[in-house]
Amino acid sequence: MLSWTLVSSQSPTKQIQKTITLLPFEYTQLKTNNGTSCVYYMRNASLSNIAVAVNTGAPDSIKYDNGTLFNGIHTLAPGQQIIVVGDFKGKQLNTINLSAQNVAITTMLFCPGN
């Protein structure tokens, strides 16, 4: 399991954000807790099969680093990852793994201050 560690130079606090792995037809609902500058990460854990995921719940203007809208259907090549940084405005984000084969999708949401 992957994890992210944030160390702030102005504060001795350390936050660890764990990831969630979704098997086919599993889903997650993540609350942003009114976070701004949130980071959402999604990755196809397979090195040989395509993954299909559907995301909903973000404001219509939120886009991944590859230019696709957060809300919608995403086809991820083997090992591909996509990242978005944005203000999710207190929304609940939903991701479902609709991969036809036994492909896991790794997701992570980090909102500073949560």
PDB file of N, CA and C in Angstrom:
ATOM      1  N   MET A   1       0.836  -1.167   0.000  1.00  0.00           N
ATOM      2  CA  MET A   1       0.000   0.000   0.000  1.00  0.00           C
ATOM      3  C   MET A   1       0.889   1.242   0.000  1.00  0.00           C
ATOM      4  N   LEU A   2       0.551   2.169  -0.864  1.00  0.00           N
ATOM      5  CA  LEU A   2       1.288   3.424  -0.934  1.00  0.00           C
ATOM      6  C   LEU A   2       0.838   4.356   0.179  1.00  0.00           C
ATOM      7  N   SER A   3       1.682   5.290   0.567  1.00  0.00           N
ATOM      8  CA  SER A   3       1.253   6.324   1.508  1.00  0.00           C
ATOM      9  C   SER A   3       1.983   7.604   1.184  1.00  0.00           C
ATOM     10  N   TRP A   4       1.360   8.699   1.519  1.00  0.00           N
ATOM     11  CA  TRP A   4       1.929  10.021   1.312  1.00  0.00           C
ATOM     12  C   TRP A   4       2.258  10.604   2.668  1.00  0.00           C
ATOM     13  N   THR A   5       3.362  11.307   2.770  1.00  0.00           N
ATOM     14  CA  THR A   5       3.747  11.949   4.011  1.00  0.00           C
ATOM     15  C   THR A   5       3.962  13.426   3.751  1.00  0.00           C
ATOM     16  N   LEU A   6       3.347  14.267   4.575  1.00  0.00           N
ATOM     17  CA  LEU A   6       3.521  15.710   4.468  1.00  0.00           C
ATOM     18  C   LEU A   6       4.286  16.176   5.685  1.00  0.00           C
ATOM     19  N   VAL A   7       5.376  16.858   5.469  1.00  0.00           N
ATOM     20  CA  VAL A   7       6.142  17.435   6.562  1.00  0.00           C
ATOM     21  C   VAL A   7       6.217  18.927   6.306  1.00  0.00           C
ATOM     22  N   SER A   8       5.726  19.716   7.235  1.00  0.00           N
ATOM     23  CA  SER A   8       5.707  21.169   7.086  1.00  0.00           C
ATOM     24  C   SER A   8       6.870  21.783   7.838  1.00  0.00           C
ATOM     25  N   SER A   9       7.564  22.710   7.196  1.00  0.00           N
ATOM     26  CA  SER A   9       8.731  23.320   7.837  1.00  0.00           C
ATOM     27  C   SER A   9       8.337  24.306   8.923  1.00  0.00           C
ATOM     28  N   GLN A  10       7.086  24.754   8.922  1.00  0.00           N
ATOM     29  CA  GLN A  10       6.647  25.723   9.920  1.00  0.00           C
ATOM     30  C   GLN A  10       5.935  25.064  11.091  1.00  0.00           C
ATOM     31  N   SER A  11       5.745  23.779  11.020  1.00  0.00           N
ATOM     32  CA  SER A  11       5.010  23.084  12.069  1.00  0.00           C
ATOM     33  C   SER A  11       5.617  21.698  12.262  1.00  0.00           C
ATOM     34  N   PRO A  12       5.686  21.233  13.496  1.00  0.00           N
ATOM     35  CA  PRO A  12       6.241  19.906  13.728  1.00  0.00           C
ATOM     36  C   PRO A  12       5.259  18.775  13.422  1.00  0.00           C
ATOM     37  N   THR A  13       4.035  19.104  12.947  1.00  0.00           N
ATOM     38  CA  THR A  13       3.050  18.062  12.686  1.00  0.00           C
ATOM     39  C   THR A  13       3.358  17.331  11.395  1.00  0.00           C
ATOM     40  N   LYS A  14       2.952  16.081  11.356  1.00  0.00           N
ATOM     41  CA  LYS A  14       3.139  15.249  10.176  1.00  0.00           C
ATOM     42  C   LYS A  14       1.828  14.539   9.904  1.00  0.00           C
ATOM     43  N   GLN A  15       1.365  14.580   8.653  1.00  0.00           N
ATOM     44  CA  GLN A  15       0.128  13.911   8.293  1.00  0.00           C
ATOM     45  C   GLN A  15       0.450  12.808   7.297  1.00  0.00           C
ATOM     46  N   ILE A  16      -0.178  11.672   7.459  1.00  0.00           N
ATOM     47  CA  ILE A  16       0.005  10.567   6.528  1.00  0.00           C
ATOM     48  C   ILE A  16      -1.342  10.289   5.873  1.00  0.00           C
ATOM     49  N   GLN A  17      -1.346  10.227   4.560  1.00  0.00           N
ATOM     50  CA  GLN A  17      -2.558   9.925   3.818  1.00  0.00           C
ATOM     51  C   GLN A  17      -2.415   8.552   3.190  1.00  0.00           C
ATOM     52  N   LYS A  18      -3.263   7.624   3.566  1.00  0.00           N
ATOM     53  CA  LYS A  18      -3.215   6.281   2.995  1.00  0.00           C
ATOM     54  C   LYS A  18      -4.084   6.221   1.753  1.00  0.00           C
ATOM     55  N   THR A  19      -3.785   5.275   0.938  1.00  0.00           N
ATOM     56  CA  THR A  19      -4.532   5.096  -0.297  1.00  0.00           C
ATOM     57  C   THR A  19      -5.622   4.047  -0.116  1.00  0.00           C
ATOM     58  N   ILE A  20      -6.541   4.024  -1.076  1.00  0.00           N
ATOM     59  CA  ILE A  20      -7.610   3.031  -1.102  1.00  0.00           C
ATOM     60  C   ILE A  20      -7.471   2.262  -2.406  1.00  0.00           C
ATOM     61  N   THR A  21      -7.492   0.949  -2.330  1.00  0.00           N
ATOM     62  CA  THR A  21      -7.428   0.112  -3.522  1.00  0.00           C
ATOM     63  C   THR A  21      -8.812  -0.450  -3.798  1.00  0.00           C
ATOM     64  N   LEU A  22      -9.299  -0.218  -5.019  1.00  0.00           N
ATOM     65  CA  LEU A  22     -10.624  -0.678  -5.423  1.00  0.00           C
ATOM     66  C   LEU A  22     -10.494  -1.845  -6.389  1.00  0.00           C
ATOM     67  N   LEU A  23     -11.095  -2.955  -6.044  1.00  0.00           N
ATOM     68  CA  LEU A  23     -11.176  -4.097  -6.951  1.00  0.00           C
ATOM     69  C   LEU A  23     -12.362  -3.874  -7.886  1.00  0.00           C
ATOM     70  N   PRO A  24     -12.506  -4.658  -8.966  1.00  0.00           N
ATOM     71  CA  PRO A  24     -13.623  -4.442  -9.881  1.00  0.00           C
ATOM     72  C   PRO A  24     -14.974  -4.403  -9.167  1.00  0.00           C
ATOM     73  N   PHE A  25     -15.760  -3.405  -9.524  1.00  0.00           N
ATOM     74  CA  PHE A  25     -17.113  -3.152  -9.032  1.00  0.00           C
ATOM     75  C   PHE A  25     -17.163  -2.694  -7.578  1.00  0.00           C
ATOM     76  N   GLU A  26     -16.029  -2.347  -7.004  1.00  0.00           N
ATOM     77  CA  GLU A  26     -16.007  -1.692  -5.698  1.00  0.00           C
ATOM     78  C   GLU A  26     -15.993  -0.188  -5.926  1.00  0.00           C
ATOM     79  N   TYR A  27     -16.468   0.552  -4.922  1.00  0.00           N
ATOM     80  CA  TYR A  27     -16.487   2.008  -5.034  1.00  0.00           C
ATOM     81  C   TYR A  27     -16.078   2.637  -3.715  1.00  0.00           C
ATOM     82  N   THR A  28     -15.764   3.917  -3.784  1.00  0.00           N
ATOM     83  CA  THR A  28     -15.452   4.676  -2.583  1.00  0.00           C
ATOM     84  C   THR A  28     -16.154   6.020  -2.650  1.00  0.00           C
ATOM     85  N   GLN A  29     -16.540   6.532  -1.484  1.00  0.00           N
ATOM     86  CA  GLN A  29     -17.112   7.867  -1.352  1.00  0.00           C
ATOM     87  C   GLN A  29     -16.221   8.621  -0.379  1.00  0.00           C
ATOM     88  N   LEU A  30     -15.582   9.662  -0.874  1.00  0.00           N
ATOM     89  CA  LEU A  30     -14.623  10.420  -0.073  1.00  0.00           C
ATOM     90  C   LEU A  30     -15.134  11.831   0.151  1.00  0.00           C
ATOM     91  N   LYS A  31     -15.099  12.284   1.392  1.00  0.00           N
ATOM     92  CA  LYS A  31     -15.526  13.646   1.713  1.00  0.00           C
ATOM     93  C   LYS A  31     -14.316  14.567   1.739  1.00  0.00           C
ATOM     94  N   THR A  32     -14.469  15.748   1.133  1.00  0.00           N
ATOM     95  CA  THR A  32     -13.366  16.703   1.089  1.00  0.00           C
ATOM     96  C   THR A  32     -13.333  17.595   2.322  1.00  0.00           C
ATOM     97  N   ASN A  33     -14.383  17.565   3.143  1.00  0.00           N
ATOM     98  CA  ASN A  33     -14.446  18.384   4.364  1.00  0.00           C
ATOM     99  C   ASN A  33     -14.142  19.848   4.077  1.00  0.00           C
ATOM    100  N   ASN A  34     -14.748  20.373   3.008  1.00  0.00           N
ATOM    101  CA  ASN A  34     -14.573  21.770   2.592  1.00  0.00           C
ATOM    102  C   ASN A  34     -13.125  22.117   2.302  1.00  0.00           C
ATOM    103  N   GLY A  35     -12.331  21.143   1.942  1.00  0.00           N
ATOM    104  CA  GLY A  35     -10.912  21.379   1.685  1.00  0.00           C
ATOM    105  C   GLY A  35     -10.661  22.122   0.387  1.00  0.00           C
ATOM    106  N   THR A  36      -9.697  23.023   0.421  1.00  0.00           N
ATOM    107  CA  THR A  36      -9.232  23.676  -0.794  1.00  0.00           C
ATOM    108  C   THR A  36      -7.842  23.137  -1.091  1.00  0.00           C
ATOM    109  N   SER A  37      -7.418  23.279  -2.300  1.00  0.00           N
ATOM    110  CA  SER A  37      -6.112  22.758  -2.738  1.00  0.00           C
ATOM    111  C   SER A  37      -5.973  21.274  -2.414  1.00  0.00           C
ATOM    112  N   CYS A  38      -7.037  20.531  -2.632  1.00  0.00           N
ATOM    113  CA  CYS A  38      -7.005  19.085  -2.422  1.00  0.00           C
ATOM    114  C   CYS A  38      -6.264  18.415  -3.572  1.00  0.00           C
ATOM    115  N   VAL A  39      -5.694  17.265  -3.283  1.00  0.00           N
ATOM    116  CA  VAL A  39      -5.021  16.454  -4.292  1.00  0.00           C
ATOM    117  C   VAL A  39      -5.758  15.120  -4.372  1.00  0.00           C
ATOM    118  N   TYR A  40      -6.182  14.753  -5.581  1.00  0.00           N
ATOM    119  CA  TYR A  40      -6.817  13.461  -5.804  1.00  0.00           C
ATOM    120  C   TYR A  40      -5.977  12.710  -6.829  1.00  0.00           C
ATOM    121  N   TYR A  41      -5.706  11.455  -6.541  1.00  0.00           N
ATOM    122  CA  TYR A  41      -4.804  10.629  -7.347  1.00  0.00           C
ATOM    123  C   TYR A  41      -5.525   9.336  -7.692  1.00  0.00           C
ATOM    124  N   MET A  42      -5.398   8.898  -8.935  1.00  0.00           N
ATOM    125  CA  MET A  42      -5.977   7.622  -9.343  1.00  0.00           C
ATOM    126  C   MET A  42      -4.972   6.922 -10.263  1.00  0.00           C
ATOM    127  N   ARG A  43      -4.780   5.617 -10.033  1.00  0.00           N
ATOM    128  CA  ARG A  43      -3.779   4.866 -10.799  1.00  0.00           C
ATOM    129  C   ARG A  43      -4.289   3.473 -11.121  1.00  0.00           C
ATOM    130  N   ASN A  44      -3.985   3.026 -12.323  1.00  0.00           N
ATOM    131  CA  ASN A  44      -4.243   1.654 -12.730  1.00  0.00           C
ATOM    132  C   ASN A  44      -3.095   0.810 -12.188  1.00  0.00           C
ATOM    133  N   ALA A  45      -3.390  -0.074 -11.254  1.00  0.00           N
ATOM    134  CA  ALA A  45      -2.350  -0.879 -10.612  1.00  0.00           C
ATOM    135  C   ALA A  45      -1.845  -2.014 -11.506  1.00  0.00           C
ATOM    136  N   SER A  46      -2.581  -2.322 -12.558  1.00  0.00           N
ATOM    137  CA  SER A  46      -2.172  -3.406 -13.458  1.00  0.00           C
ATOM    138  C   SER A  46      -1.076  -2.930 -14.408  1.00  0.00           C
ATOM    139  N   LEU A  47      -0.156  -3.822 -14.709  1.00  0.00           N
ATOM    140  CA  LEU A  47       0.885  -3.515 -15.687  1.00  0.00           C
ATOM    141  C   LEU A  47       0.589  -4.137 -17.048  1.00  0.00           C
ATOM    142  N   SER A  48      -0.598  -4.787 -17.171  1.00  0.00           N
ATOM    143  CA  SER A  48      -0.909  -5.443 -18.439  1.00  0.00           C
ATOM    144  C   SER A  48      -2.341  -5.234 -18.931  1.00  0.00           C
ATOM    145  N   ASN A  49      -3.250  -4.744 -18.093  1.00  0.00           N
ATOM    146  CA  ASN A  49      -4.651  -4.605 -18.493  1.00  0.00           C
ATOM    147  C   ASN A  49      -5.142  -3.163 -18.333  1.00  0.00           C
ATOM    148  N   ILE A  50      -6.098  -2.792 -19.159  1.00  0.00           N
ATOM    149  CA  ILE A  50      -6.717  -1.468 -19.088  1.00  0.00           C
ATOM    150  C   ILE A  50      -7.691  -1.433 -17.917  1.00  0.00           C
ATOM    151  N   ALA A  51      -7.768  -0.292 -17.242  1.00  0.00           N
ATOM    152  CA  ALA A  51      -8.720  -0.086 -16.151  1.00  0.00           C
ATOM    153  C   ALA A  51      -9.767   0.935 -16.592  1.00  0.00           C
ATOM    154  N   VAL A  52     -10.992   0.766 -16.089  1.00  0.00           N
ATOM    155  CA  VAL A  52     -12.067   1.713 -16.364  1.00  0.00           C
ATOM    156  C   VAL A  52     -12.645   2.153 -15.028  1.00  0.00           C
ATOM    157  N   ALA A  53     -12.725   3.469 -14.836  1.00  0.00           N
ATOM    158  CA  ALA A  53     -13.274   4.023 -13.600  1.00  0.00           C
ATOM    159  C   ALA A  53     -14.239   5.149 -13.946  1.00  0.00           C
ATOM    160  N   VAL A  54     -15.196   5.382 -13.052  1.00  0.00           N
ATOM    161  CA  VAL A  54     -16.117   6.505 -13.193  1.00  0.00           C
ATOM    162  C   VAL A  54     -15.998   7.355 -11.938  1.00  0.00           C
ATOM    163  N   ASN A  55     -15.827   8.664 -12.136  1.00  0.00           N
ATOM    164  CA  ASN A  55     -15.771   9.627 -11.033  1.00  0.00           C
ATOM    165  C   ASN A  55     -16.970  10.558 -11.121  1.00  0.00           C
ATOM    166  N   THR A  56     -17.545  10.907  -9.973  1.00  0.00           N
ATOM    167  CA  THR A  56     -18.620  11.897  -9.903  1.00  0.00           C
ATOM    168  C   THR A  56     -18.435  12.724  -8.640  1.00  0.00           C
ATOM    169  N   GLY A  57     -19.141  13.846  -8.570  1.00  0.00           N
ATOM    170  CA  GLY A  57     -19.197  14.631  -7.345  1.00  0.00           C
ATOM    171  C   GLY A  57     -18.387  15.904  -7.317  1.00  0.00           C
ATOM    172  N   ALA A  58     -17.515  16.140  -8.281  1.00  0.00           N
ATOM    173  CA  ALA A  58     -16.678  17.344  -8.274  1.00  0.00           C
ATOM    174  C   ALA A  58     -17.377  18.479  -9.022  1.00  0.00           C
ATOM    175  N   PRO A  59     -16.999  19.722  -8.736  1.00  0.00           N
ATOM    176  CA  PRO A  59     -17.494  20.829  -9.560  1.00  0.00           C
ATOM    177  C   PRO A  59     -17.103  20.600 -11.023  1.00  0.00           C
ATOM    178  N   ASP A  60     -17.913  21.092 -11.943  1.00  0.00           N
ATOM    179  CA  ASP A  60     -17.702  20.830 -13.368  1.00  0.00           C
ATOM    180  C   ASP A  60     -16.381  21.348 -13.914  1.00  0.00           C
ATOM    181  N   SER A  61     -15.731  22.276 -13.222  1.00  0.00           N
ATOM    182  CA  SER A  61     -14.488  22.865 -13.736  1.00  0.00           C
ATOM    183  C   SER A  61     -13.232  22.075 -13.361  1.00  0.00           C
ATOM    184  N   ILE A  62     -13.348  21.077 -12.496  1.00  0.00           N
ATOM    185  CA  ILE A  62     -12.178  20.333 -12.018  1.00  0.00           C
ATOM    186  C   ILE A  62     -11.695  19.369 -13.101  1.00  0.00           C
ATOM    187  N   LYS A  63     -10.391  19.482 -13.445  1.00  0.00           N
ATOM    188  CA  LYS A  63      -9.797  18.630 -14.481  1.00  0.00           C
ATOM    189  C   LYS A  63      -8.545  17.946 -13.956  1.00  0.00           C
ATOM    190  N   TYR A  64      -8.311  16.736 -14.472  1.00  0.00           N
ATOM    191  CA  TYR A  64      -7.074  16.014 -14.193  1.00  0.00           C
ATOM    192  C   TYR A  64      -5.913  16.666 -14.931  1.00  0.00           C
ATOM    193  N   ASP A  65      -4.699  16.243 -14.594  1.00  0.00           N
ATOM    194  CA  ASP A  65      -3.498  16.786 -15.232  1.00  0.00           C
ATOM    195  C   ASP A  65      -3.419  16.466 -16.724  1.00  0.00           C
ATOM    196  N   ASN A  66      -4.190  15.497 -17.196  1.00  0.00           N
ATOM    197  CA  ASN A  66      -4.198  15.184 -18.630  1.00  0.00           C
ATOM    198  C   ASN A  66      -5.281  15.959 -19.380  1.00  0.00           C
ATOM    199  N   GLY A  67      -5.987  16.848 -18.686  1.00  0.00           N
ATOM    200  CA  GLY A  67      -6.985  17.708 -19.314  1.00  0.00           C
ATOM    201  C   GLY A  67      -8.402  17.180 -19.307  1.00  0.00           C
ATOM    202  N   THR A  68      -8.634  15.943 -18.873  1.00  0.00           N
ATOM    203  CA  THR A  68      -9.989  15.403 -18.836  1.00  0.00           C
ATOM    204  C   THR A  68     -10.706  15.873 -17.578  1.00  0.00           C
ATOM    205  N   LEU A  69     -12.021  16.033 -17.693  1.00  0.00           N
ATOM    206  CA  LEU A  69     -12.819  16.429 -16.537  1.00  0.00           C
ATOM    207  C   LEU A  69     -12.800  15.327 -15.481  1.00  0.00           C
ATOM    208  N   PHE A  70     -12.841  15.734 -14.205  1.00  0.00           N
ATOM    209  CA  PHE A  70     -12.876  14.764 -13.108  1.00  0.00           C
ATOM    210  C   PHE A  70     -14.121  13.891 -13.237  1.00  0.00           C
ATOM    211  N   ASN A  71     -15.276  14.537 -13.408  1.00  0.00           N
ATOM    212  CA  ASN A  71     -16.534  13.803 -13.528  1.00  0.00           C
ATOM    213  C   ASN A  71     -16.591  13.112 -14.881  1.00  0.00           C
ATOM    214  N   GLY A  72     -16.794  11.813 -14.867  1.00  0.00           N
ATOM    215  CA  GLY A  72     -16.922  11.089 -16.125  1.00  0.00           C
ATOM    216  C   GLY A  72     -16.235   9.742 -16.101  1.00  0.00           C
ATOM    217  N   ILE A  73     -16.167   9.148 -17.287  1.00  0.00           N
ATOM    218  CA  ILE A  73     -15.573   7.823 -17.466  1.00  0.00           C
ATOM    219  C   ILE A  73     -14.106   7.991 -17.832  1.00  0.00           C
ATOM    220  N   HIS A  74     -13.248   7.222 -17.169  1.00  0.00           N
ATOM    221  CA  HIS A  74     -11.806   7.295 -17.412  1.00  0.00           C
ATOM    222  C   HIS A  74     -11.276   5.906 -17.755  1.00  0.00           C
ATOM    223  N   THR A  75     -10.580   5.812 -18.878  1.00  0.00           N
ATOM    224  CA  THR A  75      -9.902   4.585 -19.277  1.00  0.00           C
ATOM    225  C   THR A  75      -8.418   4.798 -19.043  1.00  0.00           C
ATOM    226  N   LEU A  76      -7.848   3.980 -18.167  1.00  0.00           N
ATOM    227  CA  LEU A  76      -6.439   4.124 -17.800  1.00  0.00           C
ATOM    228  C   LEU A  76      -5.615   2.992 -18.405  1.00  0.00           C
ATOM    229  N   ALA A  77      -4.561   3.363 -19.097  1.00  0.00           N
ATOM    230  CA  ALA A  77      -3.632   2.383 -19.655  1.00  0.00           C
ATOM    231  C   ALA A  77      -2.916   1.664 -18.511  1.00  0.00           C
ATOM    232  N   PRO A  78      -2.327   0.514 -18.772  1.00  0.00           N
ATOM    233  CA  PRO A  78      -1.589  -0.187 -17.718  1.00  0.00           C
ATOM    234  C   PRO A  78      -0.553   0.720 -17.052  1.00  0.00           C
ATOM    235  N   GLY A  79      -0.627   0.807 -15.727  1.00  0.00           N
ATOM    236  CA  GLY A  79       0.311   1.614 -14.956  1.00  0.00           C
ATOM    237  C   GLY A  79       0.069   3.110 -14.994  1.00  0.00           C
ATOM    238  N   GLN A  80      -0.916   3.578 -15.749  1.00  0.00           N
ATOM    239  CA  GLN A  80      -1.162   5.020 -15.878  1.00  0.00           C
ATOM    240  C   GLN A  80      -1.724   5.602 -14.593  1.00  0.00           C
ATOM    241  N   GLN A  81      -1.297   6.819 -14.286  1.00  0.00           N
ATOM    242  CA  GLN A  81      -1.841   7.549 -13.144  1.00  0.00           C
ATOM    243  C   GLN A  81      -2.288   8.920 -13.616  1.00  0.00           C
ATOM    244  N   ILE A  82      -3.332   9.454 -12.970  1.00  0.00           N
ATOM    245  CA  ILE A  82      -3.779  10.816 -13.233  1.00  0.00           C
ATOM    246  C   ILE A  82      -3.992  11.508 -11.900  1.00  0.00           C
ATOM    247  N   ILE A  83      -3.717  12.818 -11.884  1.00  0.00           N
ATOM    248  CA  ILE A  83      -3.746  13.596 -10.646  1.00  0.00           C
ATOM    249  C   ILE A  83      -4.518  14.879 -10.891  1.00  0.00           C
ATOM    250  N   VAL A  84      -5.259  15.315  -9.892  1.00  0.00           N
ATOM    251  CA  VAL A  84      -5.946  16.605  -9.957  1.00  0.00           C
ATOM    252  C   VAL A  84      -5.675  17.360  -8.662  1.00  0.00           C
ATOM    253  N   VAL A  85      -5.452  18.658  -8.789  1.00  0.00           N
ATOM    254  CA  VAL A  85      -5.328  19.546  -7.636  1.00  0.00           C
ATOM    255  C   VAL A  85      -6.401  20.602  -7.808  1.00  0.00           C
ATOM    256  N   GLY A  86      -7.253  20.776  -6.805  1.00  0.00           N
ATOM    257  CA  GLY A  86      -8.312  21.762  -6.958  1.00  0.00           C
ATOM    258  C   GLY A  86      -9.125  21.953  -5.703  1.00  0.00           C
ATOM    259  N   ASP A  87     -10.061  22.886  -5.795  1.00  0.00           N
ATOM    260  CA  ASP A  87     -10.993  23.182  -4.711  1.00  0.00           C
ATOM    261  C   ASP A  87     -12.273  22.409  -4.990  1.00  0.00           C
ATOM    262  N   PHE A  88     -12.498  21.357  -4.243  1.00  0.00           N
ATOM    263  CA  PHE A  88     -13.673  20.525  -4.454  1.00  0.00           C
ATOM    264  C   PHE A  88     -14.914  21.073  -3.754  1.00  0.00           C
ATOM    265  N   LYS A  89     -14.797  22.183  -3.044  1.00  0.00           N
ATOM    266  CA  LYS A  89     -15.918  22.943  -2.486  1.00  0.00           C
ATOM    267  C   LYS A  89     -16.841  22.099  -1.613  1.00  0.00           C
ATOM    268  N   GLY A  90     -16.266  21.325  -0.735  1.00  0.00           N
ATOM    269  CA  GLY A  90     -17.067  20.582   0.229  1.00  0.00           C
ATOM    270  C   GLY A  90     -17.869  19.441  -0.354  1.00  0.00           C
ATOM    271  N   LYS A  91     -17.481  18.965  -1.490  1.00  0.00           N
ATOM    272  CA  LYS A  91     -18.223  17.903  -2.163  1.00  0.00           C
ATOM    273  C   LYS A  91     -17.820  16.520  -1.660  1.00  0.00           C
ATOM    274  N   GLN A  92     -18.681  15.562  -1.935  1.00  0.00           N
ATOM    275  CA  GLN A  92     -18.352  14.152  -1.722  1.00  0.00           C
ATOM    276  C   GLN A  92     -17.958  13.581  -3.075  1.00  0.00           C
ATOM    277  N   LEU A  93     -16.787  13.012  -3.163  1.00  0.00           N
ATOM    278  CA  LEU A  93     -16.279  12.460  -4.414  1.00  0.00           C
ATOM    279  C   LEU A  93     -16.530  10.959  -4.457  1.00  0.00           C
ATOM    280  N   ASN A  94     -16.983  10.483  -5.589  1.00  0.00           N
ATOM    281  CA  ASN A  94     -17.296   9.069  -5.755  1.00  0.00           C
ATOM    282  C   ASN A  94     -16.451   8.491  -6.879  1.00  0.00           C
ATOM    283  N   THR A  95     -15.894   7.315  -6.645  1.00  0.00           N
ATOM    284  CA  THR A  95     -15.144   6.598  -7.674  1.00  0.00           C
ATOM    285  C   THR A  95     -15.570   5.140  -7.640  1.00  0.00           C
ATOM    286  N   ILE A  96     -15.884   4.590  -8.814  1.00  0.00           N
ATOM    287  CA  ILE A  96     -16.215   3.171  -8.924  1.00  0.00           C
ATOM    288  C   ILE A  96     -15.306   2.544  -9.981  1.00  0.00           C
ATOM    289  N   ASN A  97     -14.826   1.350  -9.673  1.00  0.00           N
ATOM    290  CA  ASN A  97     -13.976   0.594 -10.593  1.00  0.00           C
ATOM    291  C   ASN A  97     -14.885  -0.291 -11.446  1.00  0.00           C
ATOM    292  N   LEU A  98     -14.965   0.003 -12.740  1.00  0.00           N
ATOM    293  CA  LEU A  98     -15.789  -0.786 -13.656  1.00  0.00           C
ATOM    294  C   LEU A  98     -14.951  -1.619 -14.621  1.00  0.00           C
ATOM    295  N   SER A  99     -13.758  -1.957 -14.211  1.00  0.00           N
ATOM    296  CA  SER A  99     -12.870  -2.759 -15.053  1.00  0.00           C
ATOM    297  C   SER A  99     -13.448  -4.150 -15.261  1.00  0.00           C
ATOM    298  N   ALA A 100     -13.393  -4.623 -16.501  1.00  0.00           N
ATOM    299  CA  ALA A 100     -13.953  -5.932 -16.832  1.00  0.00           C
ATOM    300  C   ALA A 100     -13.083  -7.075 -16.321  1.00  0.00           C
ATOM    301  N   GLN A 101     -11.784  -6.849 -16.284  1.00  0.00           N
ATOM    302  CA  GLN A 101     -10.878  -7.886 -15.810  1.00  0.00           C
ATOM    303  C   GLN A 101     -10.528  -7.609 -14.357  1.00  0.00           C
ATOM    304  N   ASN A 102      -9.748  -8.459 -13.762  1.00  0.00           N
ATOM    305  CA  ASN A 102      -9.387  -8.315 -12.354  1.00  0.00           C
ATOM    306  C   ASN A 102      -8.303  -7.241 -12.195  1.00  0.00           C
ATOM    307  N   VAL A 103      -8.688  -5.980 -12.417  1.00  0.00           N
ATOM    308  CA  VAL A 103      -7.760  -4.856 -12.372  1.00  0.00           C
ATOM    309  C   VAL A 103      -8.089  -3.980 -11.170  1.00  0.00           C
ATOM    310  N   ALA A 104      -7.097  -3.747 -10.328  1.00  0.00           N
ATOM    311  CA  ALA A 104      -7.276  -2.876  -9.165  1.00  0.00           C
ATOM    312  C   ALA A 104      -6.948  -1.438  -9.546  1.00  0.00           C
ATOM    313  N   ILE A 105      -7.682  -0.511  -8.938  1.00  0.00           N
ATOM    314  CA  ILE A 105      -7.426   0.918  -9.106  1.00  0.00           C
ATOM    315  C   ILE A 105      -7.068   1.479  -7.741  1.00  0.00           C
ATOM    316  N   THR A 106      -5.994   2.235  -7.688  1.00  0.00           N
ATOM    317  CA  THR A 106      -5.557   2.872  -6.451  1.00  0.00           C
ATOM    318  C   THR A 106      -6.005   4.327  -6.476  1.00  0.00           C
ATOM    319  N   THR A 107      -6.656   4.771  -5.390  1.00  0.00           N
ATOM    320  CA  THR A 107      -7.095   6.161  -5.286  1.00  0.00           C
ATOM    321  C   THR A 107      -6.582   6.765  -3.992  1.00  0.00           C
ATOM    322  N   MET A 108      -6.468   8.082  -3.989  1.00  0.00           N
ATOM    323  CA  MET A 108      -6.034   8.796  -2.791  1.00  0.00           C
ATOM    324  C   MET A 108      -6.599  10.204  -2.847  1.00  0.00           C
ATOM    325  N   LEU A 109      -7.114  10.685  -1.717  1.00  0.00           N
ATOM    326  CA  LEU A 109      -7.553  12.072  -1.585  1.00  0.00           C
ATOM    327  C   LEU A 109      -6.844  12.674  -0.394  1.00  0.00           C
ATOM    328  N   PHE A 110      -6.215  13.816  -0.621  1.00  0.00           N
ATOM    329  CA  PHE A 110      -5.557  14.543   0.462  1.00  0.00           C
ATOM    330  C   PHE A 110      -6.017  15.986   0.414  1.00  0.00           C
ATOM    331  N   CYS A 111      -6.610  16.456   1.510  1.00  0.00           N
ATOM    332  CA  CYS A 111      -7.004  17.849   1.646  1.00  0.00           C
ATOM    333  C   CYS A 111      -6.306  18.390   2.890  1.00  0.00           C
ATOM    334  N   PRO A 112      -5.369  19.326   2.745  1.00  0.00           N
ATOM    335  CA  PRO A 112      -4.639  19.853   3.902  1.00  0.00           C
ATOM    336  C   PRO A 112      -5.597  20.352   4.975  1.00  0.00           C
ATOM    337  N   GLY A 113      -5.291  20.020   6.194  1.00  0.00           N
ATOM    338  CA  GLY A 113      -6.106  20.463   7.316  1.00  0.00           C
ATOM    339  C   GLY A 113      -7.170  19.482   7.733  1.00  0.00           C
ATOM    340  N   ASN A 114      -7.345  18.379   6.995  1.00  0.00           N
ATOM    341  CA  ASN A 114      -8.340  17.369   7.385  1.00  0.00           C
ATOM    342  C   ASN A 114      -7.824  16.553   8.539  1.00  0.00           C
TER     343      ASN A 114
END
